[in-house]
Amino acid sequence: MEKLNNIHPGEVLKVEFLEPLGLTAYKLAKAIFIPQNRLSEIIHGKRSISVDTAIRFSKFFGTSPKFWLGLQMDYDLEEKKLEESSDIQEIKAFQE
């Protein structure tokens, strides 16, 4: 079975929200009162979605902050699994 690529929440924002609505990053940044470079970094996968940004996205798009934070958490977890260091692999489950 082929492994799916881990999709950054910025890609979801771009493909599922901005493009269908015909919104530019500039217009969204202005509408939710954040710097355009912050939004650009999110869209390009170079920055995580913070709690503050999740709340702003949710107010604008009519979603919940948990939706955006869930996307970010799922992405981060998959990234960490891919890079699991040997010391994490050495951890044994607690047994009494």
C-alpha atoms as a PDB file:
ATOM      1  CA  MET A   1       0.000   0.000   0.000  1.00  0.00           C
ATOM      2  CA  GLU A   2       1.362   3.411  -0.977  1.00  0.00           C
ATOM      3  CA  LYS A   3       1.892   5.947   1.807  1.00  0.00           C
ATOM      4  CA  LEU A   4       0.080   9.252   1.336  1.00  0.00           C
ATOM      5  CA  ASN A   5       1.993  12.503   1.553  1.00  0.00           C
ATOM      6  CA  ASN A   6       1.591  14.476   4.745  1.00  0.00           C
ATOM      7  CA  ILE A   7      -0.344  17.599   3.752  1.00  0.00           C
ATOM      8  CA  HIS A   8       0.433  20.865   5.531  1.00  0.00           C
ATOM      9  CA  PRO A   9      -2.619  22.843   6.723  1.00  0.00           C
ATOM     10  CA  GLY A  10      -1.483  25.721   4.517  1.00  0.00           C
ATOM     11  CA  GLU A  11      -2.113  23.547   1.472  1.00  0.00           C
ATOM     12  CA  VAL A  12      -5.624  22.810   2.761  1.00  0.00           C
ATOM     13  CA  LEU A  13      -6.183  26.535   3.263  1.00  0.00           C
ATOM     14  CA  LYS A  14      -5.048  27.287  -0.276  1.00  0.00           C
ATOM     15  CA  VAL A  15      -6.804  24.470  -2.144  1.00  0.00           C
ATOM     16  CA  GLU A  16     -10.006  24.102  -0.114  1.00  0.00           C
ATOM     17  CA  PHE A  17     -10.657  27.714   0.867  1.00  0.00           C
ATOM     18  CA  LEU A  18      -8.714  30.405  -0.988  1.00  0.00           C
ATOM     19  CA  GLU A  19      -8.870  29.040  -4.537  1.00  0.00           C
ATOM     20  CA  PRO A  20     -12.577  28.064  -4.542  1.00  0.00           C
ATOM     21  CA  LEU A  21     -13.531  31.452  -3.079  1.00  0.00           C
ATOM     22  CA  GLY A  22     -11.250  33.383  -5.431  1.00  0.00           C
ATOM     23  CA  LEU A  23      -9.413  34.923  -2.475  1.00  0.00           C
ATOM     24  CA  THR A  24      -5.811  36.030  -2.527  1.00  0.00           C
ATOM     25  CA  ALA A  25      -3.503  35.730   0.444  1.00  0.00           C
ATOM     26  CA  TYR A  26      -3.349  39.518   0.508  1.00  0.00           C
ATOM     27  CA  LYS A  27      -7.145  39.876   0.795  1.00  0.00           C
ATOM     28  CA  LEU A  28      -7.383  37.242   3.514  1.00  0.00           C
ATOM     29  CA  ALA A  29      -4.508  38.730   5.492  1.00  0.00           C
ATOM     30  CA  LYS A  30      -6.169  42.152   5.400  1.00  0.00           C
ATOM     31  CA  ALA A  31      -9.583  40.721   6.338  1.00  0.00           C
ATOM     32  CA  ILE A  32      -8.285  38.865   9.403  1.00  0.00           C
ATOM     33  CA  PHE A  33      -5.750  41.517  10.444  1.00  0.00           C
ATOM     34  CA  ILE A  34      -2.527  39.519  10.176  1.00  0.00           C
ATOM     35  CA  PRO A  35       0.693  40.312   8.304  1.00  0.00           C
ATOM     36  CA  GLN A  36       0.675  38.980   4.756  1.00  0.00           C
ATOM     37  CA  ASN A  37       4.063  37.319   5.278  1.00  0.00           C
ATOM     38  CA  ARG A  38       2.608  35.222   8.149  1.00  0.00           C
ATOM     39  CA  LEU A  39      -0.151  33.973   5.869  1.00  0.00           C
ATOM     40  CA  SER A  40       2.262  33.367   2.991  1.00  0.00           C
ATOM     41  CA  GLU A  41       4.513  31.295   5.259  1.00  0.00           C
ATOM     42  CA  ILE A  42       1.519  29.192   6.351  1.00  0.00           C
ATOM     43  CA  ILE A  43       0.387  28.643   2.757  1.00  0.00           C
ATOM     44  CA  HIS A  44       3.902  27.564   1.742  1.00  0.00           C
ATOM     45  CA  GLY A  45       4.256  25.164   4.686  1.00  0.00           C
ATOM     46  CA  LYS A  46       6.958  27.190   6.405  1.00  0.00           C
ATOM     47  CA  ARG A  47       4.898  28.174   9.451  1.00  0.00           C
ATOM     48  CA  SER A  48       2.441  26.430  11.736  1.00  0.00           C
ATOM     49  CA  ILE A  49      -1.083  27.621  12.406  1.00  0.00           C
ATOM     50  CA  SER A  50      -1.125  29.181  15.869  1.00  0.00           C
ATOM     51  CA  VAL A  51      -4.121  29.358  18.195  1.00  0.00           C
ATOM     52  CA  ASP A  52      -4.503  33.043  17.302  1.00  0.00           C
ATOM     53  CA  THR A  53      -4.489  32.342  13.570  1.00  0.00           C
ATOM     54  CA  ALA A  54      -6.865  29.383  13.979  1.00  0.00           C
ATOM     55  CA  ILE A  55      -9.368  31.648  15.729  1.00  0.00           C
ATOM     56  CA  ARG A  56      -9.066  34.251  12.970  1.00  0.00           C
ATOM     57  CA  PHE A  57      -9.532  31.630  10.212  1.00  0.00           C
ATOM     58  CA  SER A  58     -12.537  30.166  12.023  1.00  0.00           C
ATOM     59  CA  LYS A  59     -14.246  33.556  12.371  1.00  0.00           C
ATOM     60  CA  PHE A  60     -13.674  34.359   8.702  1.00  0.00           C
ATOM     61  CA  PHE A  61     -14.516  30.980   7.141  1.00  0.00           C
ATOM     62  CA  GLY A  62     -17.246  29.894   9.589  1.00  0.00           C
ATOM     63  CA  THR A  63     -15.273  26.893  10.797  1.00  0.00           C
ATOM     64  CA  SER A  64     -14.073  26.052  14.281  1.00  0.00           C
ATOM     65  CA  PRO A  65     -10.632  26.812  15.690  1.00  0.00           C
ATOM     66  CA  LYS A  66     -10.388  23.077  16.469  1.00  0.00           C
ATOM     67  CA  PHE A  67     -10.637  22.328  12.745  1.00  0.00           C
ATOM     68  CA  TRP A  68      -7.486  24.353  12.006  1.00  0.00           C
ATOM     69  CA  LEU A  69      -5.624  23.236  15.114  1.00  0.00           C
ATOM     70  CA  GLY A  70      -6.566  19.625  14.376  1.00  0.00           C
ATOM     71  CA  LEU A  71      -5.097  19.903  10.882  1.00  0.00           C
ATOM     72  CA  GLN A  72      -1.921  21.351  12.360  1.00  0.00           C
ATOM     73  CA  MET A  73      -1.688  18.739  15.113  1.00  0.00           C
ATOM     74  CA  ASP A  74      -2.233  15.861  12.661  1.00  0.00           C
ATOM     75  CA  TYR A  75       0.433  17.276  10.360  1.00  0.00           C
ATOM     76  CA  ASP A  76       2.921  17.765  13.203  1.00  0.00           C
ATOM     77  CA  LEU A  77       2.309  14.264  14.547  1.00  0.00           C
ATOM     78  CA  GLU A  78       2.915  12.662  11.153  1.00  0.00           C
ATOM     79  CA  GLU A  79       6.078  14.698  10.659  1.00  0.00           C
ATOM     80  CA  LYS A  80       7.359  13.606  14.073  1.00  0.00           C
ATOM     81  CA  LYS A  81       6.580   9.953  13.296  1.00  0.00           C
ATOM     82  CA  LEU A  82       8.659  10.238  10.128  1.00  0.00           C
ATOM     83  CA  GLU A  83      11.662  11.555  12.038  1.00  0.00           C
ATOM     84  CA  GLU A  84      11.302   9.477  15.210  1.00  0.00           C
ATOM     85  CA  SER A  85      14.682   9.515  16.811  1.00  0.00           C
ATOM     86  CA  SER A  86      16.322   6.406  18.175  1.00  0.00           C
ATOM     87  CA  ASP A  87      15.873   7.567  21.765  1.00  0.00           C
ATOM     88  CA  ILE A  88      12.094   7.709  21.271  1.00  0.00           C
ATOM     89  CA  GLN A  89      12.146   4.227  19.753  1.00  0.00           C
ATOM     90  CA  GLU A  90      14.027   2.975  22.827  1.00  0.00           C
ATOM     91  CA  ILE A  91      11.246   4.006  25.248  1.00  0.00           C
ATOM     92  CA  LYS A  92       9.572   0.978  26.806  1.00  0.00           C
ATOM     93  CA  ALA A  93       5.947   0.963  27.960  1.00  0.00           C
ATOM     94  CA  PHE A  94       5.419   1.167  31.717  1.00  0.00           C
ATOM     95  CA  GLN A  95       4.800  -2.196  33.385  1.00  0.00           C
ATOM     96  CA  GLU A  96       4.172  -2.851  37.058  1.00  0.00           C
END
